[in-house]
Amino acid sequence: FLLSPASHWIKGADIAIDGGMGAFNQSDAMGLETLRMPAQ
């Protein structure tokens, strides 16, 4: 997709493809548990 013209406005970006691993670790490091929606 990034090679194709369809992504023409994406420039200078780094895109993580990690199944959410980076988000999990960032949430842990920043203590973001309080931002989560209540369990349902």
PDB file of all heavy atoms in Angstrom:
ATOM      1  N   PHE A   1       0.827  -1.201   0.000  1.00  0.00           N
ATOM      2  CA  PHE A   1       0.000   0.000   0.000  1.00  0.00           C
ATOM      3  C   PHE A   1       0.868   1.261   0.000  1.00  0.00           C
ATOM      4  O   PHE A   1       0.612   2.209  -0.752  1.00  0.00           O
ATOM      5  CB  PHE A   1      -0.929  -0.001   1.213  1.00  0.00           C
ATOM      6  CG  PHE A   1      -1.665   1.292   1.427  1.00  0.00           C
ATOM      7  CD1 PHE A   1      -2.661   1.704   0.549  1.00  0.00           C
ATOM      8  CD2 PHE A   1      -1.360   2.114   2.503  1.00  0.00           C
ATOM      9  CE1 PHE A   1      -3.336   2.912   0.738  1.00  0.00           C
ATOM     10  CE2 PHE A   1      -2.024   3.321   2.703  1.00  0.00           C
ATOM     11  CZ  PHE A   1      -3.016   3.711   1.811  1.00  0.00           C
ATOM     12  N   LEU A   2       1.914   1.289   0.830  1.00  0.00           N
ATOM     13  CA  LEU A   2       2.784   2.456   0.895  1.00  0.00           C
ATOM     14  C   LEU A   2       3.558   2.670  -0.401  1.00  0.00           C
ATOM     15  O   LEU A   2       3.914   3.805  -0.733  1.00  0.00           O
ATOM     16  CB  LEU A   2       3.761   2.338   2.058  1.00  0.00           C
ATOM     17  CG  LEU A   2       3.238   2.665   3.449  1.00  0.00           C
ATOM     18  CD1 LEU A   2       4.352   2.566   4.470  1.00  0.00           C
ATOM     19  CD2 LEU A   2       2.606   4.050   3.495  1.00  0.00           C
ATOM     20  N   LEU A   3       3.840   1.594  -1.125  1.00  0.00           N
ATOM     21  CA  LEU A   3       4.504   1.727  -2.414  1.00  0.00           C
ATOM     22  C   LEU A   3       3.560   2.297  -3.473  1.00  0.00           C
ATOM     23  O   LEU A   3       3.995   2.960  -4.416  1.00  0.00           O
ATOM     24  CB  LEU A   3       5.025   0.365  -2.895  1.00  0.00           C
ATOM     25  CG  LEU A   3       6.274  -0.186  -2.194  1.00  0.00           C
ATOM     26  CD1 LEU A   3       6.538  -1.615  -2.666  1.00  0.00           C
ATOM     27  CD2 LEU A   3       7.499   0.697  -2.463  1.00  0.00           C
ATOM     28  N   SER A   4       2.277   2.053  -3.308  1.00  0.00           N
ATOM     29  CA  SER A   4       1.305   2.392  -4.341  1.00  0.00           C
ATOM     30  C   SER A   4       0.916   3.875  -4.306  1.00  0.00           C
ATOM     31  O   SER A   4       1.025   4.536  -3.269  1.00  0.00           O
ATOM     32  CB  SER A   4       0.040   1.546  -4.163  1.00  0.00           C
ATOM     33  OG  SER A   4      -0.757   2.054  -3.110  1.00  0.00           O
ATOM     34  N   PRO A   5       0.418   4.408  -5.422  1.00  0.00           N
ATOM     35  CA  PRO A   5      -0.042   5.799  -5.463  1.00  0.00           C
ATOM     36  C   PRO A   5      -1.207   6.072  -4.513  1.00  0.00           C
ATOM     37  O   PRO A   5      -1.461   7.226  -4.165  1.00  0.00           O
ATOM     38  CB  PRO A   5      -0.478   5.982  -6.920  1.00  0.00           C
ATOM     39  CG  PRO A   5       0.256   4.936  -7.691  1.00  0.00           C
ATOM     40  CD  PRO A   5       0.373   3.774  -6.762  1.00  0.00           C
ATOM     41  N   ALA A   6      -1.908   5.020  -4.076  1.00  0.00           N
ATOM     42  CA  ALA A   6      -3.054   5.203  -3.179  1.00  0.00           C
ATOM     43  C   ALA A   6      -2.655   5.831  -1.851  1.00  0.00           C
ATOM     44  O   ALA A   6      -3.480   6.434  -1.165  1.00  0.00           O
ATOM     45  CB  ALA A   6      -3.751   3.870  -2.941  1.00  0.00           C
ATOM     46  N   SER A   7      -1.386   5.722  -1.479  1.00  0.00           N
ATOM     47  CA  SER A   7      -0.913   6.270  -0.200  1.00  0.00           C
ATOM     48  C   SER A   7      -0.183   7.594  -0.395  1.00  0.00           C
ATOM     49  O   SER A   7       0.680   7.964   0.409  1.00  0.00           O
ATOM     50  CB  SER A   7       0.016   5.265   0.485  1.00  0.00           C
ATOM     51  OG  SER A   7       1.164   5.006  -0.315  1.00  0.00           O
ATOM     52  N   HIS A   8      -0.534   8.328  -1.429  1.00  0.00           N
ATOM     53  CA  HIS A   8       0.250   9.476  -1.875  1.00  0.00           C
ATOM     54  C   HIS A   8       0.418  10.585  -0.838  1.00  0.00           C
ATOM     55  O   HIS A   8       1.348  11.381  -0.930  1.00  0.00           O
ATOM     56  CB  HIS A   8      -0.375  10.070  -3.150  1.00  0.00           C
ATOM     57  CG  HIS A   8      -1.728  10.660  -2.935  1.00  0.00           C
ATOM     58  ND1 HIS A   8      -2.879   9.890  -2.954  1.00  0.00           N
ATOM     59  CD2 HIS A   8      -2.125  11.934  -2.685  1.00  0.00           C
ATOM     60  CE1 HIS A   8      -3.915  10.677  -2.734  1.00  0.00           C
ATOM     61  NE2 HIS A   8      -3.497  11.910  -2.571  1.00  0.00           N
ATOM     62  N   TRP A   9      -0.447  10.690   0.167  1.00  0.00           N
ATOM     63  CA  TRP A   9      -0.345  11.763   1.148  1.00  0.00           C
ATOM     64  C   TRP A   9       0.345  11.322   2.438  1.00  0.00           C
ATOM     65  O   TRP A   9       0.439  12.087   3.405  1.00  0.00           O
ATOM     66  CB  TRP A   9      -1.721  12.370   1.426  1.00  0.00           C
ATOM     67  CG  TRP A   9      -1.684  13.735   2.035  1.00  0.00           C
ATOM     68  CD1 TRP A   9      -2.266  14.124   3.208  1.00  0.00           C
ATOM     69  CD2 TRP A   9      -1.031  14.922   1.531  1.00  0.00           C
ATOM     70  NE1 TRP A   9      -2.030  15.456   3.468  1.00  0.00           N
ATOM     71  CE2 TRP A   9      -1.269  15.981   2.438  1.00  0.00           C
ATOM     72  CE3 TRP A   9      -0.270  15.184   0.389  1.00  0.00           C
ATOM     73  CZ2 TRP A   9      -0.775  17.263   2.260  1.00  0.00           C
ATOM     74  CZ3 TRP A   9       0.219  16.470   0.201  1.00  0.00           C
ATOM     75  CH2 TRP A   9      -0.037  17.476   1.126  1.00  0.00           C
ATOM     76  N   ILE A  10       0.848  10.101   2.464  1.00  0.00           N
ATOM     77  CA  ILE A  10       1.610   9.620   3.623  1.00  0.00           C
ATOM     78  C   ILE A  10       3.082   9.837   3.323  1.00  0.00           C
ATOM     79  O   ILE A  10       3.645   9.210   2.418  1.00  0.00           O
ATOM     80  CB  ILE A  10       1.323   8.133   3.918  1.00  0.00           C
ATOM     81  CG1 ILE A  10      -0.168   7.907   4.132  1.00  0.00           C
ATOM     82  CG2 ILE A  10       2.115   7.681   5.145  1.00  0.00           C
ATOM     83  CD1 ILE A  10      -0.548   6.454   4.357  1.00  0.00           C
ATOM     84  N   LYS A  11       3.728  10.723   4.096  1.00  0.00           N
ATOM     85  CA  LYS A  11       5.110  11.109   3.822  1.00  0.00           C
ATOM     86  C   LYS A  11       5.868  11.293   5.128  1.00  0.00           C
ATOM     87  O   LYS A  11       5.414  12.008   6.017  1.00  0.00           O
ATOM     88  CB  LYS A  11       5.144  12.412   3.011  1.00  0.00           C
ATOM     89  CG  LYS A  11       4.365  12.346   1.709  1.00  0.00           C
ATOM     90  CD  LYS A  11       4.315  13.679   0.994  1.00  0.00           C
ATOM     91  CE  LYS A  11       3.451  13.578  -0.264  1.00  0.00           C
ATOM     92  NZ  LYS A  11       3.423  14.851  -1.039  1.00  0.00           N
ATOM     93  N   GLY A  12       7.015  10.642   5.246  1.00  0.00           N
ATOM     94  CA  GLY A  12       7.849  10.792   6.427  1.00  0.00           C
ATOM     95  C   GLY A  12       7.293  10.141   7.672  1.00  0.00           C
ATOM     96  O   GLY A  12       7.695  10.471   8.786  1.00  0.00           O
ATOM     97  N   ALA A  13       6.403   9.180   7.506  1.00  0.00           N
ATOM     98  CA  ALA A  13       5.758   8.534   8.657  1.00  0.00           C
ATOM     99  C   ALA A  13       6.431   7.206   9.005  1.00  0.00           C
ATOM    100  O   ALA A  13       7.024   6.556   8.146  1.00  0.00           O
ATOM    101  CB  ALA A  13       4.286   8.293   8.358  1.00  0.00           C
ATOM    102  N   ASP A  14       6.334   6.829  10.276  1.00  0.00           N
ATOM    103  CA  ASP A  14       6.697   5.473  10.698  1.00  0.00           C
ATOM    104  C   ASP A  14       5.428   4.793  11.184  1.00  0.00           C
ATOM    105  O   ASP A  14       4.736   5.325  12.053  1.00  0.00           O
ATOM    106  CB  ASP A  14       7.732   5.487  11.829  1.00  0.00           C
ATOM    107  CG  ASP A  14       8.067   4.074  12.285  1.00  0.00           C
ATOM    108  OD1 ASP A  14       8.726   3.348  11.517  1.00  0.00           O
ATOM    109  OD2 ASP A  14       7.655   3.693  13.406  1.00  0.00           O
ATOM    110  N   ILE A  15       5.112   3.653  10.600  1.00  0.00           N
ATOM    111  CA  ILE A  15       3.872   2.943  10.917  1.00  0.00           C
ATOM    112  C   ILE A  15       4.202   1.635  11.629  1.00  0.00           C
ATOM    113  O   ILE A  15       4.910   0.785  11.088  1.00  0.00           O
ATOM    114  CB  ILE A  15       3.066   2.662   9.637  1.00  0.00           C
ATOM    115  CG1 ILE A  15       2.718   3.985   8.936  1.00  0.00           C
ATOM    116  CG2 ILE A  15       1.803   1.866   9.959  1.00  0.00           C
ATOM    117  CD1 ILE A  15       2.075   3.819   7.584  1.00  0.00           C
ATOM    118  N   ALA A  16       3.708   1.503  12.854  1.00  0.00           N
ATOM    119  CA  ALA A  16       3.925   0.269  13.619  1.00  0.00           C
ATOM    120  C   ALA A  16       2.940  -0.800  13.164  1.00  0.00           C
ATOM    121  O   ALA A  16       1.747  -0.529  12.999  1.00  0.00           O
ATOM    122  CB  ALA A  16       3.751   0.536  15.112  1.00  0.00           C
ATOM    123  N   ILE A  17       3.451  -2.003  12.959  1.00  0.00           N
ATOM    124  CA  ILE A  17       2.606  -3.157  12.617  1.00  0.00           C
ATOM    125  C   ILE A  17       2.961  -4.242  13.622  1.00  0.00           C
ATOM    126  O   ILE A  17       3.811  -5.102  13.380  1.00  0.00           O
ATOM    127  CB  ILE A  17       2.872  -3.639  11.171  1.00  0.00           C
ATOM    128  CG1 ILE A  17       2.838  -2.467  10.194  1.00  0.00           C
ATOM    129  CG2 ILE A  17       1.849  -4.694  10.764  1.00  0.00           C
ATOM    130  CD1 ILE A  17       3.268  -2.831   8.799  1.00  0.00           C
ATOM    131  N   ASP A  18       2.317  -4.178  14.783  1.00  0.00           N
ATOM    132  CA  ASP A  18       2.757  -5.027  15.895  1.00  0.00           C
ATOM    133  C   ASP A  18       1.607  -5.634  16.690  1.00  0.00           C
ATOM    134  O   ASP A  18       1.792  -6.077  17.821  1.00  0.00           O
ATOM    135  CB  ASP A  18       3.662  -4.225  16.833  1.00  0.00           C
ATOM    136  CG  ASP A  18       2.964  -3.014  17.449  1.00  0.00           C
ATOM    137  OD1 ASP A  18       1.737  -2.864  17.248  1.00  0.00           O
ATOM    138  OD2 ASP A  18       3.644  -2.221  18.127  1.00  0.00           O
ATOM    139  N   GLY A  19       0.404  -5.651  16.115  1.00  0.00           N
ATOM    140  CA  GLY A  19      -0.721  -6.258  16.814  1.00  0.00           C
ATOM    141  C   GLY A  19      -1.121  -5.543  18.091  1.00  0.00           C
ATOM    142  O   GLY A  19      -1.822  -6.116  18.929  1.00  0.00           O
ATOM    143  N   GLY A  20      -0.666  -4.293  18.257  1.00  0.00           N
ATOM    144  CA  GLY A  20      -1.007  -3.534  19.455  1.00  0.00           C
ATOM    145  C   GLY A  20       0.045  -3.564  20.547  1.00  0.00           C
ATOM    146  O   GLY A  20      -0.129  -2.930  21.597  1.00  0.00           O
ATOM    147  N   MET A  21       1.159  -4.268  20.320  1.00  0.00           N
ATOM    148  CA  MET A  21       2.176  -4.415  21.369  1.00  0.00           C
ATOM    149  C   MET A  21       2.700  -3.073  21.857  1.00  0.00           C
ATOM    150  O   MET A  21       2.873  -2.852  23.059  1.00  0.00           O
ATOM    151  CB  MET A  21       3.332  -5.273  20.854  1.00  0.00           C
ATOM    152  CG  MET A  21       2.950  -6.693  20.498  1.00  0.00           C
ATOM    153  SD  MET A  21       4.358  -7.598  19.811  1.00  0.00           S
ATOM    154  CE  MET A  21       3.520  -9.051  19.132  1.00  0.00           C
ATOM    155  N   GLY A  22       2.965  -2.171  20.927  1.00  0.00           N
ATOM    156  CA  GLY A  22       3.463  -0.854  21.315  1.00  0.00           C
ATOM    157  C   GLY A  22       2.456  -0.098  22.159  1.00  0.00           C
ATOM    158  O   GLY A  22       2.822   0.567  23.144  1.00  0.00           O
ATOM    159  N   ALA A  23       1.179  -0.191  21.790  1.00  0.00           N
ATOM    160  CA  ALA A  23       0.131   0.484  22.553  1.00  0.00           C
ATOM    161  C   ALA A  23       0.017  -0.094  23.962  1.00  0.00           C
ATOM    162  O   ALA A  23      -0.151   0.653  24.938  1.00  0.00           O
ATOM    163  CB  ALA A  23      -1.206   0.366  21.833  1.00  0.00           C
ATOM    164  N   PHE A  24       0.108  -1.410  24.075  1.00  0.00           N
ATOM    165  CA  PHE A  24       0.014  -2.040  25.395  1.00  0.00           C
ATOM    166  C   PHE A  24       1.120  -1.506  26.310  1.00  0.00           C
ATOM    167  O   PHE A  24       0.881  -1.137  27.464  1.00  0.00           O
ATOM    168  CB  PHE A  24       0.161  -3.558  25.297  1.00  0.00           C
ATOM    169  CG  PHE A  24      -0.787  -4.232  24.337  1.00  0.00           C
ATOM    170  CD1 PHE A  24      -0.446  -5.449  23.756  1.00  0.00           C
ATOM    171  CD2 PHE A  24      -2.006  -3.663  23.999  1.00  0.00           C
ATOM    172  CE1 PHE A  24      -1.309  -6.077  22.874  1.00  0.00           C
ATOM    173  CE2 PHE A  24      -2.868  -4.283  23.123  1.00  0.00           C
ATOM    174  CZ  PHE A  24      -2.513  -5.498  22.550  1.00  0.00           C
ATOM    175  N   ASN A  25       2.354  -1.480  25.778  1.00  0.00           N
ATOM    176  CA  ASN A  25       3.495  -1.053  26.586  1.00  0.00           C
ATOM    177  C   ASN A  25       3.425   0.437  26.912  1.00  0.00           C
ATOM    178  O   ASN A  25       3.791   0.850  28.014  1.00  0.00           O
ATOM    179  CB  ASN A  25       4.801  -1.370  25.844  1.00  0.00           C
ATOM    180  CG  ASN A  25       5.056  -2.862  25.747  1.00  0.00           C
ATOM    181  OD1 ASN A  25       4.593  -3.629  26.572  1.00  0.00           O
ATOM    182  ND2 ASN A  25       5.778  -3.280  24.726  1.00  0.00           N
ATOM    183  N   GLN A  26       2.955   1.221  25.965  1.00  0.00           N
ATOM    184  CA  GLN A  26       2.828   2.658  26.209  1.00  0.00           C
ATOM    185  C   GLN A  26       1.770   2.932  27.276  1.00  0.00           C
ATOM    186  O   GLN A  26       1.947   3.779  28.153  1.00  0.00           O
ATOM    187  CB  GLN A  26       2.469   3.382  24.911  1.00  0.00           C
ATOM    188  CG  GLN A  26       2.532   4.897  25.017  1.00  0.00           C
ATOM    189  CD  GLN A  26       2.344   5.576  23.678  1.00  0.00           C
ATOM    190  OE1 GLN A  26       1.755   5.022  22.761  1.00  0.00           O
ATOM    191  NE2 GLN A  26       2.831   6.799  23.564  1.00  0.00           N
ATOM    192  N   SER A  27       0.673   2.203  27.221  1.00  0.00           N
ATOM    193  CA  SER A  27      -0.374   2.350  28.227  1.00  0.00           C
ATOM    194  C   SER A  27       0.155   2.001  29.612  1.00  0.00           C
ATOM    195  O   SER A  27      -0.109   2.711  30.592  1.00  0.00           O
ATOM    196  CB  SER A  27      -1.565   1.450  27.874  1.00  0.00           C
ATOM    197  OG  SER A  27      -2.556   1.529  28.874  1.00  0.00           O
ATOM    198  N   ASP A  28       0.933   0.914  29.673  1.00  0.00           N
ATOM    199  CA  ASP A  28       1.527   0.516  30.957  1.00  0.00           C
ATOM    200  C   ASP A  28       2.457   1.605  31.480  1.00  0.00           C
ATOM    201  O   ASP A  28       2.389   1.997  32.657  1.00  0.00           O
ATOM    202  CB  ASP A  28       2.316  -0.784  30.798  1.00  0.00           C
ATOM    203  CG  ASP A  28       1.436  -1.987  30.510  1.00  0.00           C
ATOM    204  OD1 ASP A  28       0.203  -1.881  30.672  1.00  0.00           O
ATOM    205  OD2 ASP A  28       1.988  -3.036  30.113  1.00  0.00           O
ATOM    206  N   ALA A  29       3.337   2.104  30.610  1.00  0.00           N
ATOM    207  CA  ALA A  29       4.352   3.068  31.024  1.00  0.00           C
ATOM    208  C   ALA A  29       3.747   4.393  31.477  1.00  0.00           C
ATOM    209  O   ALA A  29       4.264   5.050  32.388  1.00  0.00           O
ATOM    210  CB  ALA A  29       5.326   3.308  29.870  1.00  0.00           C
ATOM    211  N   MET A  30       2.635   4.780  30.858  1.00  0.00           N
ATOM    212  CA  MET A  30       2.018   6.073  31.167  1.00  0.00           C
ATOM    213  C   MET A  30       0.881   5.962  32.173  1.00  0.00           C
ATOM    214  O   MET A  30       0.276   6.966  32.548  1.00  0.00           O
ATOM    215  CB  MET A  30       1.498   6.715  29.869  1.00  0.00           C
ATOM    216  CG  MET A  30       2.596   7.007  28.861  1.00  0.00           C
ATOM    217  SD  MET A  30       1.958   7.663  27.300  1.00  0.00           S
ATOM    218  CE  MET A  30       1.375   9.276  27.829  1.00  0.00           C
ATOM    219  N   GLY A  31       0.591   4.744  32.622  1.00  0.00           N
ATOM    220  CA  GLY A  31      -0.471   4.551  33.604  1.00  0.00           C
ATOM    221  C   GLY A  31      -1.825   4.984  33.096  1.00  0.00           C
ATOM    222  O   GLY A  31      -2.561   5.718  33.773  1.00  0.00           O
ATOM    223  N   LEU A  32      -2.177   4.523  31.910  1.00  0.00           N
ATOM    224  CA  LEU A  32      -3.411   4.983  31.262  1.00  0.00           C
ATOM    225  C   LEU A  32      -4.644   4.148  31.606  1.00  0.00           C
ATOM    226  O   LEU A  32      -5.687   4.309  30.982  1.00  0.00           O
ATOM    227  CB  LEU A  32      -3.222   4.998  29.737  1.00  0.00           C
ATOM    228  CG  LEU A  32      -2.099   5.887  29.204  1.00  0.00           C
ATOM    229  CD1 LEU A  32      -2.074   5.847  27.685  1.00  0.00           C
ATOM    230  CD2 LEU A  32      -2.269   7.330  29.697  1.00  0.00           C
ATOM    231  N   GLU A  33      -4.521   3.282  32.608  1.00  0.00           N
ATOM    232  CA  GLU A  33      -5.639   2.399  32.932  1.00  0.00           C
ATOM    233  C   GLU A  33      -6.927   3.165  33.223  1.00  0.00           C
ATOM    234  O   GLU A  33      -8.030   2.717  32.903  1.00  0.00           O
ATOM    235  CB  GLU A  33      -5.283   1.522  34.138  1.00  0.00           C
ATOM    236  CG  GLU A  33      -4.153   0.533  33.895  1.00  0.00           C
ATOM    237  CD  GLU A  33      -2.785   1.157  34.115  1.00  0.00           C
ATOM    238  OE1 GLU A  33      -2.707   2.377  34.362  1.00  0.00           O
ATOM    239  OE2 GLU A  33      -1.785   0.415  34.021  1.00  0.00           O
ATOM    240  N   THR A  34      -6.796   4.358  33.829  1.00  0.00           N
ATOM    241  CA  THR A  34      -7.990   5.124  34.202  1.00  0.00           C
ATOM    242  C   THR A  34      -8.755   5.658  32.991  1.00  0.00           C
ATOM    243  O   THR A  34      -9.914   6.060  33.118  1.00  0.00           O
ATOM    244  CB  THR A  34      -7.605   6.316  35.106  1.00  0.00           C
ATOM    245  OG1 THR A  34      -6.657   7.134  34.412  1.00  0.00           O
ATOM    246  CG2 THR A  34      -6.990   5.826  36.407  1.00  0.00           C
ATOM    247  N   LEU A  35      -8.119   5.659  31.829  1.00  0.00           N
ATOM    248  CA  LEU A  35      -8.783   6.141  30.618  1.00  0.00           C
ATOM    249  C   LEU A  35      -9.632   5.062  29.948  1.00  0.00           C
ATOM    250  O   LEU A  35     -10.403   5.371  29.040  1.00  0.00           O
ATOM    251  CB  LEU A  35      -7.747   6.650  29.610  1.00  0.00           C
ATOM    252  CG  LEU A  35      -6.930   7.874  30.035  1.00  0.00           C
ATOM    253  CD1 LEU A  35      -5.929   8.238  28.953  1.00  0.00           C
ATOM    254  CD2 LEU A  35      -7.847   9.056  30.302  1.00  0.00           C
ATOM    255  N   ARG A  36      -9.472   3.828  30.408  1.00  0.00           N
ATOM    256  CA  ARG A  36     -10.205   2.741  29.779  1.00  0.00           C
ATOM    257  C   ARG A  36     -11.692   2.809  30.124  1.00  0.00           C
ATOM    258  O   ARG A  36     -12.067   3.225  31.216  1.00  0.00           O
ATOM    259  CB  ARG A  36      -9.634   1.392  30.213  1.00  0.00           C
ATOM    260  CG  ARG A  36      -8.197   1.163  29.756  1.00  0.00           C
ATOM    261  CD  ARG A  36      -7.614  -0.099  30.337  1.00  0.00           C
ATOM    262  NE  ARG A  36      -6.203  -0.213  29.998  1.00  0.00           N
ATOM    263  CZ  ARG A  36      -5.359  -1.039  30.613  1.00  0.00           C
ATOM    264  NH1 ARG A  36      -5.783  -1.797  31.623  1.00  0.00           N
ATOM    265  NH2 ARG A  36      -4.092  -1.078  30.250  1.00  0.00           N
ATOM    266  N   MET A  37     -12.509   2.358  29.184  1.00  0.00           N
ATOM    267  CA  MET A  37     -13.946   2.283  29.441  1.00  0.00           C
ATOM    268  C   MET A  37     -14.216   1.246  30.516  1.00  0.00           C
ATOM    269  O   MET A  37     -13.497   0.240  30.599  1.00  0.00           O
ATOM    270  CB  MET A  37     -14.686   1.913  28.147  1.00  0.00           C
ATOM    271  CG  MET A  37     -14.648   3.007  27.091  1.00  0.00           C
ATOM    272  SD  MET A  37     -15.627   2.580  25.639  1.00  0.00           S
ATOM    273  CE  MET A  37     -14.613   1.287  24.931  1.00  0.00           C
ATOM    274  N   PRO A  38     -15.219   1.450  31.323  1.00  0.00           N
ATOM    275  CA  PRO A  38     -15.549   0.451  32.354  1.00  0.00           C
ATOM    276  C   PRO A  38     -15.855  -0.896  31.717  1.00  0.00           C
ATOM    277  O   PRO A  38     -16.422  -0.967  30.619  1.00  0.00           O
ATOM    278  CB  PRO A  38     -16.808   1.044  33.015  1.00  0.00           C
ATOM    279  CG  PRO A  38     -16.767   2.496  32.701  1.00  0.00           C
ATOM    280  CD  PRO A  38     -16.114   2.614  31.362  1.00  0.00           C
ATOM    281  N   ALA A  39     -15.465  -1.939  32.415  1.00  0.00           N
ATOM    282  CA  ALA A  39     -15.751  -3.290  31.904  1.00  0.00           C
ATOM    283  C   ALA A  39     -17.245  -3.508  31.833  1.00  0.00           C
ATOM    284  O   ALA A  39     -18.011  -3.069  32.697  1.00  0.00           O
ATOM    285  CB  ALA A  39     -15.106  -4.328  32.830  1.00  0.00           C
ATOM    286  N   GLN A  40     -17.667  -4.162  30.755  1.00  0.00           N
ATOM    287  CA  GLN A  40     -19.067  -4.452  30.571  1.00  0.00           C
ATOM    288  C   GLN A  40     -19.259  -5.951  30.323  1.00  0.00           C
ATOM    289  O   GLN A  40     -18.383  -6.628  29.809  1.00  0.00           O
ATOM    290  CB  GLN A  40     -19.623  -3.673  29.367  1.00  0.00           C
ATOM    291  CG  GLN A  40     -19.593  -2.163  29.562  1.00  0.00           C
ATOM    292  CD  GLN A  40     -20.121  -1.429  28.358  1.00  0.00           C
ATOM    293  OE1 GLN A  40     -20.223  -1.989  27.285  1.00  0.00           O
ATOM    294  NE2 GLN A  40     -20.473  -0.162  28.544  1.00  0.00           N
TER     295      GLN A  40
END
